[in-house]
Amino acid sequence: MKLPEQVRDTIILSLDEYLETINDQPDATELAEQTVQAIQNGAEEAGFEDFEEVILQIEDEMELEESLAETLEYEFQKADDLELSGEDLIGLIDRVCGLEWEDEDDFEDIEALEDEI
């Protein structure tokens, strides 16, 4: 799924803020929930009318057997060498969610993007 880089930036900032507040190793469940919320927040800030649907779209496109939150939780648990920063987490999130990032200038408008998803 292709999303604007603005969504990526929001995810990174949201996760960095979350990680700063907990000051230690986060629980994988909480980190997964924060990640899902960050994706939704990023989609909302980018102007998606149905930002709640982005998670469902990711789950459908990736043909996940579990919810996105459960899938991320599993991936976070098994990634022992994962650095705890938004920038480092985004690589894992990209892989699990099948996300690709496009510069907003590459999209003619948000409506065309929503039609694509």
Protein backbone atom coordinates (compact mmCIF):
# COMPACT_ATOMS: atom_id res chain seq x y z
CA MET A 1 0.00 0.00 0.00
CA LYS A 2 1.30 3.43 -0.90
CA LEU A 3 0.84 6.25 1.56
CA PRO A 4 2.13 9.82 1.67
CA GLU A 5 5.41 10.41 3.50
CA GLN A 6 3.44 12.64 5.88
CA VAL A 7 1.88 9.47 7.32
CA ARG A 8 5.35 7.97 7.81
CA ASP A 9 6.56 11.11 9.56
CA THR A 10 3.55 11.08 11.88
CA ILE A 11 4.16 7.41 12.76
CA ILE A 12 7.80 8.10 13.60
CA LEU A 13 6.98 11.16 15.73
CA SER A 14 4.16 9.37 17.55
CA LEU A 15 6.32 6.36 18.36
CA ASP A 16 9.23 8.55 19.48
CA GLU A 17 6.90 10.43 21.85
CA TYR A 18 5.50 7.17 23.20
CA LEU A 19 8.97 5.68 23.72
CA GLU A 20 10.15 8.82 25.54
CA THR A 21 7.26 8.59 28.02
CA ILE A 22 7.81 4.97 29.02
CA ASN A 23 11.60 5.23 29.54
CA ASP A 24 12.19 1.49 29.34
CA GLN A 25 11.50 -1.58 27.26
CA PRO A 26 7.89 -1.27 26.08
CA ASP A 27 5.42 -4.08 26.25
CA ALA A 28 4.99 -5.54 22.75
CA THR A 29 1.20 -5.33 23.04
CA GLU A 30 1.25 -1.65 23.97
CA LEU A 31 3.81 -0.86 21.28
CA ALA A 32 1.65 -2.61 18.66
CA GLU A 33 -1.43 -0.69 19.78
CA GLN A 34 0.50 2.59 19.68
CA THR A 35 1.71 1.75 16.18
CA VAL A 36 -1.81 1.07 14.89
CA GLN A 37 -2.99 4.32 16.45
CA ALA A 38 -0.06 6.19 14.90
CA ILE A 39 -0.94 4.84 11.44
CA GLN A 40 -4.53 5.99 11.88
CA ASN A 41 -3.42 9.39 13.18
CA GLY A 42 -1.07 9.81 10.25
CA ALA A 43 -3.81 8.95 7.76
CA GLU A 44 -6.15 11.41 9.46
CA GLU A 45 -3.55 14.20 9.39
CA ALA A 46 -2.89 13.47 5.71
CA GLY A 47 -6.54 14.13 5.00
CA PHE A 48 -7.98 10.65 4.54
CA GLU A 49 -11.73 10.79 5.05
CA ASP A 50 -11.90 7.13 6.08
CA PHE A 51 -8.68 7.03 8.07
CA GLU A 52 -10.04 4.20 10.24
CA GLU A 53 -10.26 2.07 7.09
CA VAL A 54 -6.51 2.27 6.45
CA ILE A 55 -5.85 -0.48 9.01
CA LEU A 56 -8.48 -2.74 7.41
CA GLN A 57 -6.97 -2.05 3.98
CA ILE A 58 -3.52 -3.05 5.25
CA GLU A 59 -4.91 -6.23 6.81
CA ASP A 60 -6.71 -7.12 3.57
CA GLU A 61 -3.77 -6.36 1.27
CA MET A 62 -1.31 -8.28 3.41
CA GLU A 63 -3.84 -11.11 3.89
CA LEU A 64 -3.09 -11.18 7.61
CA GLU A 65 -4.53 -14.09 9.56
CA GLU A 66 -4.59 -11.99 12.74
CA SER A 67 -5.36 -8.32 13.27
CA LEU A 68 -2.63 -5.84 12.43
CA ALA A 69 -2.11 -5.14 16.14
CA GLU A 70 -1.65 -8.85 16.89
CA THR A 71 0.70 -9.30 13.94
CA LEU A 72 2.80 -6.33 15.01
CA GLU A 73 2.85 -7.56 18.60
CA TYR A 74 4.25 -10.91 17.43
CA GLU A 75 6.88 -9.21 15.25
CA PHE A 76 7.92 -6.87 18.08
CA GLN A 77 8.26 -9.81 20.48
CA LYS A 78 10.56 -11.76 18.20
CA ALA A 79 12.70 -8.75 17.18
CA ASP A 80 15.17 -8.75 20.07
CA ASP A 81 17.72 -6.60 18.24
CA LEU A 82 15.22 -3.87 17.41
CA GLU A 83 16.32 -0.35 18.34
CA LEU A 84 13.72 1.63 20.21
CA SER A 85 13.14 4.69 18.10
CA GLY A 86 10.43 5.60 15.65
CA GLU A 87 12.92 5.67 12.80
CA ASP A 88 14.20 2.17 13.56
CA LEU A 89 10.74 0.73 14.15
CA ILE A 90 9.44 2.04 10.83
CA GLY A 91 11.50 -0.51 8.88
CA LEU A 92 9.76 -3.38 10.64
CA ILE A 93 6.39 -1.67 10.28
CA ASP A 94 6.99 -1.15 6.55
CA ARG A 95 7.79 -4.84 6.08
CA VAL A 96 4.87 -6.15 8.14
CA CYS A 97 2.34 -3.70 6.67
CA GLY A 98 3.67 -3.74 3.11
CA LEU A 99 3.88 0.05 3.14
CA GLU A 100 5.54 2.19 0.52
CA TRP A 101 5.97 5.92 0.91
CA GLU A 102 5.34 8.50 -1.76
CA ASP A 103 6.17 12.18 -1.73
CA GLU A 104 2.91 14.10 -1.55
CA ASP A 105 3.84 15.85 -4.80
CA ASP A 106 3.59 12.48 -6.55
CA PHE A 107 -0.12 12.34 -5.80
CA GLU A 108 -2.45 14.52 -7.77
CA ASP A 109 -4.71 14.81 -4.74
CA ILE A 110 -5.86 12.87 -1.68
CA GLU A 111 -9.03 11.72 -3.42
CA ALA A 112 -7.00 10.00 -6.12
CA LEU A 113 -5.00 8.29 -3.38
CA GLU A 114 -8.13 7.14 -1.60
CA ASP A 115 -9.41 5.70 -4.88
CA GLU A 116 -6.15 3.76 -5.16
CA ILE A 117 -6.59 2.17 -1.74
